C-alpha atoms as a PDB file:
ATOM      1  CA  MET A   1     165.239  15.065 126.513  1.00  0.00           C
ATOM      2  CA  ASN A   2     164.321  12.449 129.078  1.00  0.00           C
ATOM      3  CA  ILE A   3     161.988  10.147 127.111  1.00  0.00           C
ATOM      4  CA  SER A   4     161.670   6.380 127.524  1.00  0.00           C
ATOM      5  CA  ILE A   5     161.362   4.082 124.534  1.00  0.00           C
ATOM      6  CA  ALA A   6     159.264   0.910 124.594  1.00  0.00           C
ATOM      7  CA  GLY A   7     160.140  -1.746 122.034  1.00  0.00           C
ATOM      8  CA  VAL A   8     157.248  -4.126 121.443  1.00  0.00           C
ATOM      9  CA  ASP A   9     157.657  -7.482 119.713  1.00  0.00           C
ATOM     10  CA  LEU A  10     154.222  -8.650 118.575  1.00  0.00           C
ATOM     11  CA  ALA A  11     153.316 -12.321 118.436  1.00  0.00           C
ATOM     12  CA  LYS A  12     150.034 -14.166 118.306  1.00  0.00           C
ATOM     13  CA  LYS A  13     149.519 -14.846 122.029  1.00  0.00           C
ATOM     14  CA  VAL A  14     152.120 -12.790 123.911  1.00  0.00           C
ATOM     15  CA  PHE A  15     153.980  -9.526 123.420  1.00  0.00           C
ATOM     16  CA  GLN A  16     157.521  -8.863 124.637  1.00  0.00           C
ATOM     17  CA  ILE A  17     157.920  -5.296 125.897  1.00  0.00           C
ATOM     18  CA  CYS A  18     161.339  -3.810 126.607  1.00  0.00           C
ATOM     19  CA  VAL A  19     161.521  -0.295 128.077  1.00  0.00           C
ATOM     20  CA  VAL A  20     164.795   1.611 127.681  1.00  0.00           C
ATOM     21  CA  LYS A  21     165.857   5.029 128.952  1.00  0.00           C
ATOM     22  CA  ARG A  22     169.303   6.538 128.351  1.00  0.00           C
ATOM     23  CA  ASN A  23     170.637   3.205 127.041  1.00  0.00           C
ATOM     24  CA  THR A  24     169.565   1.401 130.226  1.00  0.00           C
ATOM     25  CA  VAL A  25     166.943  -1.363 130.218  1.00  0.00           C
ATOM     26  CA  LEU A  26     164.277  -0.448 132.768  1.00  0.00           C
ATOM     27  CA  SER A  27     162.106  -3.505 132.188  1.00  0.00           C
ATOM     28  CA  ASN A  28     161.713  -6.443 129.832  1.00  0.00           C
ATOM     29  CA  LYS A  29     158.378  -8.220 130.259  1.00  0.00           C
ATOM     30  CA  GLU A  30     156.169 -10.687 128.453  1.00  0.00           C
ATOM     31  CA  MET A  31     152.468  -9.708 128.389  1.00  0.00           C
ATOM     32  CA  THR A  32     149.238 -10.869 126.862  1.00  0.00           C
ATOM     33  CA  PRO A  33     147.504  -8.374 124.555  1.00  0.00           C
ATOM     34  CA  SER A  34     145.022  -7.400 127.299  1.00  0.00           C
ATOM     35  CA  GLN A  35     147.846  -6.915 129.842  1.00  0.00           C
ATOM     36  CA  PHE A  36     149.708  -4.773 127.314  1.00  0.00           C
ATOM     37  CA  GLU A  37     146.626  -2.631 126.698  1.00  0.00           C
ATOM     38  CA  GLU A  38     146.218  -2.037 130.436  1.00  0.00           C
ATOM     39  CA  TRP A  39     149.955  -1.329 130.906  1.00  0.00           C
ATOM     40  CA  LEU A  40     150.015   1.110 127.990  1.00  0.00           C
ATOM     41  CA  ALA A  41     146.961   3.000 129.315  1.00  0.00           C
ATOM     42  CA  LYS A  42     148.670   3.438 132.707  1.00  0.00           C
ATOM     43  CA  SER A  43     152.131   4.343 131.366  1.00  0.00           C
ATOM     44  CA  LYS A  44     153.594   7.819 131.151  1.00  0.00           C
ATOM     45  CA  PRO A  45     154.073   9.258 127.642  1.00  0.00           C
ATOM     46  CA  MET A  46     156.868   7.507 125.756  1.00  0.00           C
ATOM     47  CA  THR A  47     157.931   6.531 122.272  1.00  0.00           C
ATOM     48  CA  VAL A  48     156.581   3.093 121.320  1.00  0.00           C
ATOM     49  CA  VAL A  49     158.087   1.098 118.453  1.00  0.00           C
ATOM     50  CA  PHE A  50     156.748  -2.193 117.127  1.00  0.00           C
ATOM     51  CA  GLU A  51     158.554  -5.136 115.593  1.00  0.00           C
ATOM     52  CA  ALA A  52     156.303  -7.784 114.140  1.00  0.00           C
ATOM     53  CA  CYS A  53     156.849 -11.449 113.334  1.00  0.00           C
ATOM     54  CA  ALA A  54     154.977 -13.260 110.586  1.00  0.00           C
ATOM     55  CA  THR A  55     152.109 -14.335 112.871  1.00  0.00           C
ATOM     56  CA  SER A  56     151.442 -10.757 114.016  1.00  0.00           C
ATOM     57  CA  ASN A  57     149.285 -10.301 110.903  1.00  0.00           C
ATOM     58  CA  TYR A  58     146.679 -11.986 113.099  1.00  0.00           C
ATOM     59  CA  TRP A  59     146.283  -8.620 114.914  1.00  0.00           C
ATOM     60  CA  LYS A  60     145.847  -6.419 111.836  1.00  0.00           C
END
């Protein structure tokens, strides 16, 4: 299977998004929540996993 995985670290003002495919980092970017929403809408299907810090409860 040829699926990318996006790891998302949630914080209050910025998200860190790391995209990996076949154990190779394709990108590692910092985005605002609105930039992330736009990026996610334009991305091809992939597995998305979230890691949250204590302040991410702000987004619940």
